[in-house]
Amino acid sequence: MNSINVISPYKYRGQWVFDDPDKGLKKEPFVAGIDVIIDFKVKGIPRAKKGFNVLFSDSEFPGYDTVLTWVGAFGDGNWYVDRDTKLMGWLCPALLKYYEAAPRKIYLQIKAKGN
């Protein structure tokens, strides 16, 4: 079964963050390279700093437009490399609120809100 999650990152005090009340997350920051990957991915999205949608799954789904591939664990988080930019970024332990273990691949669709 395909499970697709949705978050809506936005800029707060110059940092990409997201909220997910169902998971107990508020202003959860993207750091250590994931923030830079986001900067590249949202270049064509108007007003992305005010928020955009990210659909993500550990399985391929129709419309996904990029893939993060697991590189290894570090501390409580995990390093991933972006297929398109070849940049690496670290996803913090909040990832485990969505998955029992760090997925080997994370398929993403990044788009403007309302689309």
PDB file of N, CA and C in Angstrom:
ATOM      1  N   MET A   1       0.839  -1.182   0.000  1.00  0.00           N
ATOM      2  CA  MET A   1       0.000   0.000   0.000  1.00  0.00           C
ATOM      3  C   MET A   1       0.883   1.244   0.000  1.00  0.00           C
ATOM      4  N   ASN A   2       0.533   2.215  -0.798  1.00  0.00           N
ATOM      5  CA  ASN A   2       1.286   3.445  -0.916  1.00  0.00           C
ATOM      6  C   ASN A   2       0.792   4.446   0.112  1.00  0.00           C
ATOM      7  N   SER A   3       1.675   4.945   0.948  1.00  0.00           N
ATOM      8  CA  SER A   3       1.321   5.950   1.940  1.00  0.00           C
ATOM      9  C   SER A   3       2.036   7.245   1.588  1.00  0.00           C
ATOM     10  N   ILE A   4       1.267   8.271   1.308  1.00  0.00           N
ATOM     11  CA  ILE A   4       1.830   9.566   0.950  1.00  0.00           C
ATOM     12  C   ILE A   4       1.564  10.540   2.087  1.00  0.00           C
ATOM     13  N   ASN A   5       2.615  11.178   2.554  1.00  0.00           N
ATOM     14  CA  ASN A   5       2.530  12.192   3.596  1.00  0.00           C
ATOM     15  C   ASN A   5       2.616  13.572   2.960  1.00  0.00           C
ATOM     16  N   VAL A   6       2.087  14.573   3.658  1.00  0.00           N
ATOM     17  CA  VAL A   6       2.133  15.952   3.168  1.00  0.00           C
ATOM     18  C   VAL A   6       2.565  16.868   4.300  1.00  0.00           C
ATOM     19  N   ILE A   7       3.551  17.721   4.008  1.00  0.00           N
ATOM     20  CA  ILE A   7       3.927  18.796   4.919  1.00  0.00           C
ATOM     21  C   ILE A   7       3.970  20.088   4.110  1.00  0.00           C
ATOM     22  N   SER A   8       3.945  21.209   4.800  1.00  0.00           N
ATOM     23  CA  SER A   8       3.966  22.515   4.135  1.00  0.00           C
ATOM     24  C   SER A   8       5.044  23.397   4.759  1.00  0.00           C
ATOM     25  N   PRO A   9       6.284  23.240   4.312  1.00  0.00           N
ATOM     26  CA  PRO A   9       7.375  24.069   4.843  1.00  0.00           C
ATOM     27  C   PRO A   9       7.182  25.550   4.520  1.00  0.00           C
ATOM     28  N   TYR A  10       7.793  26.377   5.353  1.00  0.00           N
ATOM     29  CA  TYR A  10       7.770  27.833   5.190  1.00  0.00           C
ATOM     30  C   TYR A  10       9.005  28.396   5.882  1.00  0.00           C
ATOM     31  N   LYS A  11       9.308  29.652   5.599  1.00  0.00           N
ATOM     32  CA  LYS A  11      10.460  30.302   6.226  1.00  0.00           C
ATOM     33  C   LYS A  11      10.024  30.953   7.535  1.00  0.00           C
ATOM     34  N   TYR A  12      10.813  30.736   8.572  1.00  0.00           N
ATOM     35  CA  TYR A  12      10.598  31.354   9.881  1.00  0.00           C
ATOM     36  C   TYR A  12      11.964  31.789  10.394  1.00  0.00           C
ATOM     37  N   ARG A  13      12.118  33.100  10.573  1.00  0.00           N
ATOM     38  CA  ARG A  13      13.390  33.672  11.024  1.00  0.00           C
ATOM     39  C   ARG A  13      14.560  33.209  10.158  1.00  0.00           C
ATOM     40  N   GLY A  14      14.299  33.151   8.844  1.00  0.00           N
ATOM     41  CA  GLY A  14      15.341  32.817   7.890  1.00  0.00           C
ATOM     42  C   GLY A  14      15.633  31.332   7.727  1.00  0.00           C
ATOM     43  N   GLN A  15      14.848  30.487   8.383  1.00  0.00           N
ATOM     44  CA  GLN A  15      15.076  29.039   8.338  1.00  0.00           C
ATOM     45  C   GLN A  15      13.844  28.320   7.804  1.00  0.00           C
ATOM     46  N   TRP A  16      14.025  27.290   6.973  1.00  0.00           N
ATOM     47  CA  TRP A  16      12.911  26.467   6.530  1.00  0.00           C
ATOM     48  C   TRP A  16      12.451  25.610   7.700  1.00  0.00           C
ATOM     49  N   VAL A  17      11.154  25.643   7.974  1.00  0.00           N
ATOM     50  CA  VAL A  17      10.550  24.858   9.055  1.00  0.00           C
ATOM     51  C   VAL A  17       9.210  24.310   8.569  1.00  0.00           C
ATOM     52  N   PHE A  18       8.641  23.387   9.361  1.00  0.00           N
ATOM     53  CA  PHE A  18       7.292  22.920   9.071  1.00  0.00           C
ATOM     54  C   PHE A  18       6.602  22.542  10.371  1.00  0.00           C
ATOM     55  N   ASP A  19       5.280  22.528  10.307  1.00  0.00           N
ATOM     56  CA  ASP A  19       4.449  22.117  11.434  1.00  0.00           C
ATOM     57  C   ASP A  19       3.680  20.858  11.036  1.00  0.00           C
ATOM     58  N   ASP A  20       3.510  19.970  11.979  1.00  0.00           N
ATOM     59  CA  ASP A  20       2.634  18.823  11.790  1.00  0.00           C
ATOM     60  C   ASP A  20       2.042  18.487  13.149  1.00  0.00           C
ATOM     61  N   PRO A  21       0.925  19.147  13.484  1.00  0.00           N
ATOM     62  CA  PRO A  21       0.319  18.956  14.806  1.00  0.00           C
ATOM     63  C   PRO A  21      -0.009  17.490  15.109  1.00  0.00           C
ATOM     64  N   ASP A  22      -0.374  16.719  14.086  1.00  0.00           N
ATOM     65  CA  ASP A  22      -0.687  15.305  14.301  1.00  0.00           C
ATOM     66  C   ASP A  22       0.524  14.514  14.793  1.00  0.00           C
ATOM     67  N   LYS A  23       1.716  15.001  14.488  1.00  0.00           N
ATOM     68  CA  LYS A  23       2.953  14.325  14.897  1.00  0.00           C
ATOM     69  C   LYS A  23       3.629  15.036  16.070  1.00  0.00           C
ATOM     70  N   GLY A  24       3.007  16.106  16.565  1.00  0.00           N
ATOM     71  CA  GLY A  24       3.586  16.858  17.671  1.00  0.00           C
ATOM     72  C   GLY A  24       4.754  17.741  17.259  1.00  0.00           C
ATOM     73  N   LEU A  25       4.790  18.168  15.996  1.00  0.00           N
ATOM     74  CA  LEU A  25       5.895  18.977  15.483  1.00  0.00           C
ATOM     75  C   LEU A  25       5.442  20.417  15.231  1.00  0.00           C
ATOM     76  N   LYS A  26       6.217  21.358  15.731  1.00  0.00           N
ATOM     77  CA  LYS A  26       5.942  22.785  15.513  1.00  0.00           C
ATOM     78  C   LYS A  26       7.260  23.483  15.213  1.00  0.00           C
ATOM     79  N   LYS A  27       7.282  24.174  14.073  1.00  0.00           N
ATOM     80  CA  LYS A  27       8.479  24.874  13.610  1.00  0.00           C
ATOM     81  C   LYS A  27       9.704  23.948  13.618  1.00  0.00           C
ATOM     82  N   GLU A  28       9.503  22.732  13.142  1.00  0.00           N
ATOM     83  CA  GLU A  28      10.588  21.750  13.031  1.00  0.00           C
ATOM     84  C   GLU A  28      11.519  22.208  11.911  1.00  0.00           C
ATOM     85  N   PRO A  29      12.789  22.471  12.218  1.00  0.00           N
ATOM     86  CA  PRO A  29      13.682  23.038  11.201  1.00  0.00           C
ATOM     87  C   PRO A  29      14.310  21.997  10.274  1.00  0.00           C
ATOM     88  N   PHE A  30      14.564  22.448   9.049  1.00  0.00           N
ATOM     89  CA  PHE A  30      15.383  21.698   8.106  1.00  0.00           C
ATOM     90  C   PHE A  30      16.785  22.287   8.186  1.00  0.00           C
ATOM     91  N   VAL A  31      17.783  21.463   8.452  1.00  0.00           N
ATOM     92  CA  VAL A  31      19.155  21.939   8.654  1.00  0.00           C
ATOM     93  C   VAL A  31      20.139  21.059   7.893  1.00  0.00           C
ATOM     94  N   ALA A  32      21.408  21.382   8.024  1.00  0.00           N
ATOM     95  CA  ALA A  32      22.525  20.553   7.557  1.00  0.00           C
ATOM     96  C   ALA A  32      22.385  20.105   6.100  1.00  0.00           C
ATOM     97  N   GLY A  33      22.104  21.065   5.231  1.00  0.00           N
ATOM     98  CA  GLY A  33      22.077  20.778   3.804  1.00  0.00           C
ATOM     99  C   GLY A  33      20.693  20.591   3.215  1.00  0.00           C
ATOM    100  N   ILE A  34      19.751  20.057   3.989  1.00  0.00           N
ATOM    101  CA  ILE A  34      18.389  19.917   3.466  1.00  0.00           C
ATOM    102  C   ILE A  34      17.816  21.298   3.169  1.00  0.00           C
ATOM    103  N   ASP A  35      18.164  22.288   3.985  1.00  0.00           N
ATOM    104  CA  ASP A  35      17.703  23.652   3.739  1.00  0.00           C
ATOM    105  C   ASP A  35      18.220  24.176   2.401  1.00  0.00           C
ATOM    106  N   VAL A  36      19.442  23.843   2.045  1.00  0.00           N
ATOM    107  CA  VAL A  36      20.016  24.275   0.766  1.00  0.00           C
ATOM    108  C   VAL A  36      19.324  23.560  -0.399  1.00  0.00           C
ATOM    109  N   ILE A  37      19.054  22.277  -0.231  1.00  0.00           N
ATOM    110  CA  ILE A  37      18.329  21.522  -1.265  1.00  0.00           C
ATOM    111  C   ILE A  37      16.962  22.161  -1.488  1.00  0.00           C
ATOM    112  N   ILE A  38      16.275  22.526  -0.406  1.00  0.00           N
ATOM    113  CA  ILE A  38      14.964  23.183  -0.531  1.00  0.00           C
ATOM    114  C   ILE A  38      15.092  24.478  -1.323  1.00  0.00           C
ATOM    115  N   ASP A  39      16.125  25.274  -1.029  1.00  0.00           N
ATOM    116  CA  ASP A  39      16.327  26.528  -1.771  1.00  0.00           C
ATOM    117  C   ASP A  39      16.356  26.275  -3.280  1.00  0.00           C
ATOM    118  N   PHE A  40      17.042  25.225  -3.713  1.00  0.00           N
ATOM    119  CA  PHE A  40      17.105  24.887  -5.134  1.00  0.00           C
ATOM    120  C   PHE A  40      15.749  24.431  -5.659  1.00  0.00           C
ATOM    121  N   LYS A  41      15.053  23.627  -4.898  1.00  0.00           N
ATOM    122  CA  LYS A  41      13.805  23.011  -5.356  1.00  0.00           C
ATOM    123  C   LYS A  41      12.648  23.997  -5.480  1.00  0.00           C
ATOM    124  N   VAL A  42      12.675  25.086  -4.726  1.00  0.00           N
ATOM    125  CA  VAL A  42      11.528  26.009  -4.736  1.00  0.00           C
ATOM    126  C   VAL A  42      11.757  27.253  -5.584  1.00  0.00           C
ATOM    127  N   LYS A  43      12.831  27.292  -6.330  1.00  0.00           N
ATOM    128  CA  LYS A  43      13.138  28.490  -7.135  1.00  0.00           C
ATOM    129  C   LYS A  43      11.987  28.913  -8.036  1.00  0.00           C
ATOM    130  N   GLY A  44      11.236  27.980  -8.577  1.00  0.00           N
ATOM    131  CA  GLY A  44      10.141  28.321  -9.483  1.00  0.00           C
ATOM    132  C   GLY A  44       8.783  28.452  -8.807  1.00  0.00           C
ATOM    133  N   ILE A  45       8.754  28.402  -7.486  1.00  0.00           N
ATOM    134  CA  ILE A  45       7.474  28.478  -6.767  1.00  0.00           C
ATOM    135  C   ILE A  45       7.289  29.890  -6.212  1.00  0.00           C
ATOM    136  N   PRO A  46       6.279  30.609  -6.712  1.00  0.00           N
ATOM    137  CA  PRO A  46       6.034  31.965  -6.205  1.00  0.00           C
ATOM    138  C   PRO A  46       5.705  31.940  -4.711  1.00  0.00           C
ATOM    139  N   ARG A  47       6.238  32.880  -3.997  1.00  0.00           N
ATOM    140  CA  ARG A  47       5.969  33.048  -2.560  1.00  0.00           C
ATOM    141  C   ARG A  47       6.238  31.780  -1.747  1.00  0.00           C
ATOM    142  N   ALA A  48       7.223  30.993  -2.151  1.00  0.00           N
ATOM    143  CA  ALA A  48       7.547  29.743  -1.453  1.00  0.00           C
ATOM    144  C   ALA A  48       7.864  29.999   0.022  1.00  0.00           C
ATOM    145  N   LYS A  49       8.443  31.153   0.316  1.00  0.00           N
ATOM    146  CA  LYS A  49       8.796  31.448   1.715  1.00  0.00           C
ATOM    147  C   LYS A  49       7.568  31.473   2.610  1.00  0.00           C
ATOM    148  N   LYS A  50       6.406  31.737   2.039  1.00  0.00           N
ATOM    149  CA  LYS A  50       5.161  31.744   2.817  1.00  0.00           C
ATOM    150  C   LYS A  50       4.567  30.340   2.951  1.00  0.00           C
ATOM    151  N   GLY A  51       5.116  29.401   2.202  1.00  0.00           N
ATOM    152  CA  GLY A  51       4.676  28.020   2.313  1.00  0.00           C
ATOM    153  C   GLY A  51       4.462  27.359   0.966  1.00  0.00           C
ATOM    154  N   PHE A  52       4.787  26.088   0.903  1.00  0.00           N
ATOM    155  CA  PHE A  52       4.578  25.257  -0.272  1.00  0.00           C
ATOM    156  C   PHE A  52       4.318  23.839   0.231  1.00  0.00           C
ATOM    157  N   ASN A  53       3.865  22.975  -0.646  1.00  0.00           N
ATOM    158  CA  ASN A  53       3.546  21.605  -0.242  1.00  0.00           C
ATOM    159  C   ASN A  53       4.625  20.626  -0.684  1.00  0.00           C
ATOM    160  N   VAL A  54       4.891  19.675   0.191  1.00  0.00           N
ATOM    161  CA  VAL A  54       5.781  18.556  -0.126  1.00  0.00           C
ATOM    162  C   VAL A  54       5.009  17.271   0.140  1.00  0.00           C
ATOM    163  N   LEU A  55       4.781  16.510  -0.916  1.00  0.00           N
ATOM    164  CA  LEU A  55       4.223  15.171  -0.778  1.00  0.00           C
ATOM    165  C   LEU A  55       5.407  14.226  -0.775  1.00  0.00           C
ATOM    166  N   PHE A  56       5.428  13.267   0.150  1.00  0.00           N
ATOM    167  CA  PHE A  56       6.565  12.350   0.205  1.00  0.00           C
ATOM    168  C   PHE A  56       6.139  10.953   0.622  1.00  0.00           C
ATOM    169  N   SER A  57       6.900   9.990   0.107  1.00  0.00           N
ATOM    170  CA  SER A  57       6.608   8.589   0.359  1.00  0.00           C
ATOM    171  C   SER A  57       7.881   7.774   0.209  1.00  0.00           C
ATOM    172  N   ASP A  58       7.901   6.613   0.831  1.00  0.00           N
ATOM    173  CA  ASP A  58       9.020   5.698   0.635  1.00  0.00           C
ATOM    174  C   ASP A  58       8.783   4.779  -0.563  1.00  0.00           C
ATOM    175  N   SER A  59       7.678   5.015  -1.272  1.00  0.00           N
ATOM    176  CA  SER A  59       7.355   4.287  -2.504  1.00  0.00           C
ATOM    177  C   SER A  59       7.108   5.284  -3.629  1.00  0.00           C
ATOM    178  N   GLU A  60       7.400   4.880  -4.851  1.00  0.00           N
ATOM    179  CA  GLU A  60       7.100   5.744  -5.992  1.00  0.00           C
ATOM    180  C   GLU A  60       5.603   6.009  -6.051  1.00  0.00           C
ATOM    181  N   PHE A  61       5.229   7.225  -6.478  1.00  0.00           N
ATOM    182  CA  PHE A  61       3.827   7.570  -6.671  1.00  0.00           C
ATOM    183  C   PHE A  61       3.714   8.478  -7.892  1.00  0.00           C
ATOM    184  N   PRO A  62       2.548   8.508  -8.537  1.00  0.00           N
ATOM    185  CA  PRO A  62       2.372   9.338  -9.727  1.00  0.00           C
ATOM    186  C   PRO A  62       2.648  10.814  -9.419  1.00  0.00           C
ATOM    187  N   GLY A  63       3.481  11.430 -10.227  1.00  0.00           N
ATOM    188  CA  GLY A  63       3.764  12.854 -10.080  1.00  0.00           C
ATOM    189  C   GLY A  63       4.981  13.178  -9.234  1.00  0.00           C
ATOM    190  N   TYR A  64       5.636  12.173  -8.625  1.00  0.00           N
ATOM    191  CA  TYR A  64       6.826  12.521  -7.845  1.00  0.00           C
ATOM    192  C   TYR A  64       7.843  13.132  -8.790  1.00  0.00           C
ATOM    193  N   ASP A  65       8.624  14.090  -8.284  1.00  0.00           N
ATOM    194  CA  ASP A  65       9.560  14.764  -9.177  1.00  0.00           C
ATOM    195  C   ASP A  65      11.008  14.755  -8.702  1.00  0.00           C
ATOM    196  N   THR A  66      11.267  14.165  -7.573  1.00  0.00           N
ATOM    197  CA  THR A  66      12.654  14.012  -7.141  1.00  0.00           C
ATOM    198  C   THR A  66      12.753  12.875  -6.133  1.00  0.00           C
ATOM    199  N   VAL A  67      13.991  12.447  -5.896  1.00  0.00           N
ATOM    200  CA  VAL A  67      14.235  11.323  -4.992  1.00  0.00           C
ATOM    201  C   VAL A  67      15.428  11.658  -4.099  1.00  0.00           C
ATOM    202  N   LEU A  68      15.271  11.372  -2.828  1.00  0.00           N
ATOM    203  CA  LEU A  68      16.391  11.422  -1.897  1.00  0.00           C
ATOM    204  C   LEU A  68      16.806   9.982  -1.624  1.00  0.00           C
ATOM    205  N   THR A  69      18.108   9.709  -1.716  1.00  0.00           N
ATOM    206  CA  THR A  69      18.624   8.363  -1.498  1.00  0.00           C
ATOM    207  C   THR A  69      19.465   8.344  -0.229  1.00  0.00           C
ATOM    208  N   TRP A  70      19.196   7.372   0.628  1.00  0.00           N
ATOM    209  CA  TRP A  70      19.876   7.236   1.911  1.00  0.00           C
ATOM    210  C   TRP A  70      21.361   6.986   1.712  1.00  0.00           C
ATOM    211  N   VAL A  71      22.178   7.700   2.471  1.00  0.00           N
ATOM    212  CA  VAL A  71      23.626   7.551   2.412  1.00  0.00           C
ATOM    213  C   VAL A  71      24.133   6.863   3.685  1.00  0.00           C
ATOM    214  N   GLY A  72      23.574   7.243   4.818  1.00  0.00           N
ATOM    215  CA  GLY A  72      24.003   6.637   6.073  1.00  0.00           C
ATOM    216  C   GLY A  72      23.449   7.389   7.265  1.00  0.00           C
ATOM    217  N   ALA A  73      23.564   6.755   8.414  1.00  0.00           N
ATOM    218  CA  ALA A  73      23.096   7.354   9.661  1.00  0.00           C
ATOM    219  C   ALA A  73      24.196   8.207  10.271  1.00  0.00           C
ATOM    220  N   PHE A  74      23.789   9.219  11.004  1.00  0.00           N
ATOM    221  CA  PHE A  74      24.718  10.043  11.758  1.00  0.00           C
ATOM    222  C   PHE A  74      23.982  10.570  12.969  1.00  0.00           C
ATOM    223  N   GLY A  75      24.465  10.265  14.135  1.00  0.00           N
ATOM    224  CA  GLY A  75      23.765  10.670  15.341  1.00  0.00           C
ATOM    225  C   GLY A  75      22.381  10.041  15.342  1.00  0.00           C
ATOM    226  N   ASP A  76      21.394  10.844  15.637  1.00  0.00           N
ATOM    227  CA  ASP A  76      20.018  10.360  15.644  1.00  0.00           C
ATOM    228  C   ASP A  76      19.331  10.534  14.298  1.00  0.00           C
ATOM    229  N   GLY A  77      20.043  11.112  13.317  1.00  0.00           N
ATOM    230  CA  GLY A  77      19.436  11.379  12.019  1.00  0.00           C
ATOM    231  C   GLY A  77      20.065  10.577  10.901  1.00  0.00           C
ATOM    232  N   ASN A  78      19.737  10.965   9.680  1.00  0.00           N
ATOM    233  CA  ASN A  78      20.185  10.238   8.497  1.00  0.00           C
ATOM    234  C   ASN A  78      20.551  11.190   7.370  1.00  0.00           C
ATOM    235  N   TRP A  79      21.631  10.858   6.670  1.00  0.00           N
ATOM    236  CA  TRP A  79      22.071  11.613   5.507  1.00  0.00           C
ATOM    237  C   TRP A  79      21.426  11.061   4.244  1.00  0.00           C
ATOM    238  N   TYR A  80      21.008  11.986   3.382  1.00  0.00           N
ATOM    239  CA  TYR A  80      20.420  11.643   2.087  1.00  0.00           C
ATOM    240  C   TYR A  80      21.088  12.496   1.013  1.00  0.00           C
ATOM    241  N   VAL A  81      21.121  11.975  -0.217  1.00  0.00           N
ATOM    242  CA  VAL A  81      21.606  12.742  -1.355  1.00  0.00           C
ATOM    243  C   VAL A  81      20.437  12.947  -2.314  1.00  0.00           C
ATOM    244  N   ASP A  82      20.320  14.166  -2.819  1.00  0.00           N
ATOM    245  CA  ASP A  82      19.265  14.516  -3.773  1.00  0.00           C
ATOM    246  C   ASP A  82      19.686  14.097  -5.176  1.00  0.00           C
ATOM    247  N   ARG A  83      18.809  13.392  -5.864  1.00  0.00           N
ATOM    248  CA  ARG A  83      19.084  12.873  -7.209  1.00  0.00           C
ATOM    249  C   ARG A  83      19.471  13.982  -8.186  1.00  0.00           C
ATOM    250  N   ASP A  84      18.793  15.116  -8.121  1.00  0.00           N
ATOM    251  CA  ASP A  84      18.980  16.166  -9.129  1.00  0.00           C
ATOM    252  C   ASP A  84      20.170  17.076  -8.844  1.00  0.00           C
ATOM    253  N   THR A  85      20.266  17.579  -7.627  1.00  0.00           N
ATOM    254  CA  THR A  85      21.329  18.533  -7.301  1.00  0.00           C
ATOM    255  C   THR A  85      22.623  17.853  -6.885  1.00  0.00           C
ATOM    256  N   LYS A  86      22.528  16.570  -6.512  1.00  0.00           N
ATOM    257  CA  LYS A  86      23.666  15.794  -5.983  1.00  0.00           C
ATOM    258  C   LYS A  86      24.136  16.327  -4.633  1.00  0.00           C
ATOM    259  N   LEU A  87      23.346  17.210  -4.020  1.00  0.00           N
ATOM    260  CA  LEU A  87      23.676  17.744  -2.704  1.00  0.00           C
ATOM    261  C   LEU A  87      23.240  16.759  -1.623  1.00  0.00           C
ATOM    262  N   MET A  88      23.981  16.780  -0.523  1.00  0.00           N
ATOM    263  CA  MET A  88      23.620  15.939   0.615  1.00  0.00           C
ATOM    264  C   MET A  88      22.976  16.778   1.704  1.00  0.00           C
ATOM    265  N   GLY A  89      22.055  16.151   2.422  1.00  0.00           N
ATOM    266  CA  GLY A  89      21.407  16.821   3.538  1.00  0.00           C
ATOM    267  C   GLY A  89      21.033  15.809   4.606  1.00  0.00           C
ATOM    268  N   TRP A  90      20.912  16.298   5.816  1.00  0.00           N
ATOM    269  CA  TRP A  90      20.641  15.461   6.982  1.00  0.00           C
ATOM    270  C   TRP A  90      19.195  15.645   7.408  1.00  0.00           C
ATOM    271  N   LEU A  91      18.496  14.536   7.580  1.00  0.00           N
ATOM    272  CA  LEU A  91      17.131  14.588   8.103  1.00  0.00           C
ATOM    273  C   LEU A  91      17.168  14.136   9.555  1.00  0.00           C
ATOM    274  N   CYS A  92      16.604  14.963  10.407  1.00  0.00           N
ATOM    275  CA  CYS A  92      16.656  14.742  11.852  1.00  0.00           C
ATOM    276  C   CYS A  92      15.727  13.607  12.291  1.00  0.00           C
ATOM    277  N   PRO A  93      15.729  13.266  13.575  1.00  0.00           N
ATOM    278  CA  PRO A  93      14.897  12.173  14.072  1.00  0.00           C
ATOM    279  C   PRO A  93      13.394  12.350  13.850  1.00  0.00           C
ATOM    280  N   ALA A  94      12.942  13.549  13.492  1.00  0.00           N
ATOM    281  CA  ALA A  94      11.517  13.744  13.191  1.00  0.00           C
ATOM    282  C   ALA A  94      11.082  12.837  12.036  1.00  0.00           C
ATOM    283  N   LEU A  95      12.019  12.428  11.184  1.00  0.00           N
ATOM    284  CA  LEU A  95      11.718  11.500  10.089  1.00  0.00           C
ATOM    285  C   LEU A  95      11.060  10.228  10.622  1.00  0.00           C
ATOM    286  N   LEU A  96      11.464   9.821  11.817  1.00  0.00           N
ATOM    287  CA  LEU A  96      10.943   8.582  12.403  1.00  0.00           C
ATOM    288  C   LEU A  96       9.536   8.737  12.977  1.00  0.00           C
ATOM    289  N   LYS A  97       8.992   9.927  12.891  1.00  0.00           N
ATOM    290  CA  LYS A  97       7.577  10.112  13.218  1.00  0.00           C
ATOM    291  C   LYS A  97       6.711   9.659  12.038  1.00  0.00           C
ATOM    292  N   TYR A  98       7.336   9.529  10.869  1.00  0.00           N
ATOM    293  CA  TYR A  98       6.632   9.110   9.649  1.00  0.00           C
ATOM    294  C   TYR A  98       6.961   7.670   9.247  1.00  0.00           C
ATOM    295  N   TYR A  99       8.126   7.192   9.656  1.00  0.00           N
ATOM    296  CA  TYR A  99       8.588   5.849   9.283  1.00  0.00           C
ATOM    297  C   TYR A  99       9.189   5.151  10.501  1.00  0.00           C
ATOM    298  N   GLU A 100       9.059   3.839  10.541  1.00  0.00           N
ATOM    299  CA  GLU A 100       9.654   3.070  11.639  1.00  0.00           C
ATOM    300  C   GLU A 100      11.179   3.089  11.575  1.00  0.00           C
ATOM    301  N   ALA A 101      11.713   3.102  10.376  1.00  0.00           N
ATOM    302  CA  ALA A 101      13.158   3.179  10.137  1.00  0.00           C
ATOM    303  C   ALA A 101      13.386   4.105   8.955  1.00  0.00           C
ATOM    304  N   ALA A 102      14.579   4.663   8.860  1.00  0.00           N
ATOM    305  CA  ALA A 102      14.894   5.576   7.756  1.00  0.00           C
ATOM    306  C   ALA A 102      14.741   4.854   6.413  1.00  0.00           C
ATOM    307  N   PRO A 103      13.894   5.368   5.525  1.00  0.00           N
ATOM    308  CA  PRO A 103      13.723   4.737   4.212  1.00  0.00           C
ATOM    309  C   PRO A 103      14.997   4.830   3.378  1.00  0.00           C
ATOM    310  N   ARG A 104      15.205   3.851   2.535  1.00  0.00           N
ATOM    311  CA  ARG A 104      16.365   3.871   1.629  1.00  0.00           C
ATOM    312  C   ARG A 104      16.184   4.916   0.541  1.00  0.00           C
ATOM    313  N   LYS A 105      14.934   5.184   0.162  1.00  0.00           N
ATOM    314  CA  LYS A 105      14.624   6.240  -0.803  1.00  0.00           C
ATOM    315  C   LYS A 105      13.382   6.975  -0.321  1.00  0.00           C
ATOM    316  N   ILE A 106      13.373   8.287  -0.555  1.00  0.00           N
ATOM    317  CA  ILE A 106      12.195   9.102  -0.268  1.00  0.00           C
ATOM    318  C   ILE A 106      11.830   9.810  -1.566  1.00  0.00           C
ATOM    319  N   TYR A 107      10.626   9.537  -2.056  1.00  0.00           N
ATOM    320  CA  TYR A 107      10.126  10.129  -3.298  1.00  0.00           C
ATOM    321  C   TYR A 107       9.329  11.369  -2.925  1.00  0.00           C
ATOM    322  N   LEU A 108       9.586  12.481  -3.641  1.00  0.00           N
ATOM    323  CA  LEU A 108       8.967  13.757  -3.297  1.00  0.00           C
ATOM    324  C   LEU A 108       8.309  14.421  -4.483  1.00  0.00           C
ATOM    325  N   GLN A 109       7.263  15.145  -4.185  1.00  0.00           N
ATOM    326  CA  GLN A 109       6.686  16.080  -5.142  1.00  0.00           C
ATOM    327  C   GLN A 109       6.595  17.414  -4.412  1.00  0.00           C
ATOM    328  N   ILE A 110       7.202  18.426  -5.005  1.00  0.00           N
ATOM    329  CA  ILE A 110       7.244  19.746  -4.396  1.00  0.00           C
ATOM    330  C   ILE A 110       6.454  20.690  -5.285  1.00  0.00           C
ATOM    331  N   LYS A 111       5.465  21.364  -4.681  1.00  0.00           N
ATOM    332  CA  LYS A 111       4.608  22.226  -5.493  1.00  0.00           C
ATOM    333  C   LYS A 111       4.018  23.362  -4.669  1.00  0.00           C
ATOM    334  N   ALA A 112       3.528  24.350  -5.379  1.00  0.00           N
ATOM    335  CA  ALA A 112       2.901  25.501  -4.723  1.00  0.00           C
ATOM    336  C   ALA A 112       1.639  25.046  -4.005  1.00  0.00           C
ATOM    337  N   LYS A 113       1.302  25.748  -2.950  1.00  0.00           N
ATOM    338  CA  LYS A 113       0.039  25.452  -2.276  1.00  0.00           C
ATOM    339  C   LYS A 113      -1.118  25.745  -3.217  1.00  0.00           C
ATOM    340  N   GLY A 114      -2.160  24.941  -3.114  1.00  0.00           N
ATOM    341  CA  GLY A 114      -3.334  25.139  -3.950  1.00  0.00           C
ATOM    342  C   GLY A 114      -3.265  24.426  -5.279  1.00  0.00           C
ATOM    343  N   ASN A 115      -2.121  23.788  -5.572  1.00  0.00           N
ATOM    344  CA  ASN A 115      -1.997  23.042  -6.833  1.00  0.00           C
ATOM    345  C   ASN A 115      -2.136  21.568  -6.586  1.00  0.00           C
TER     346      ASN A 115
END
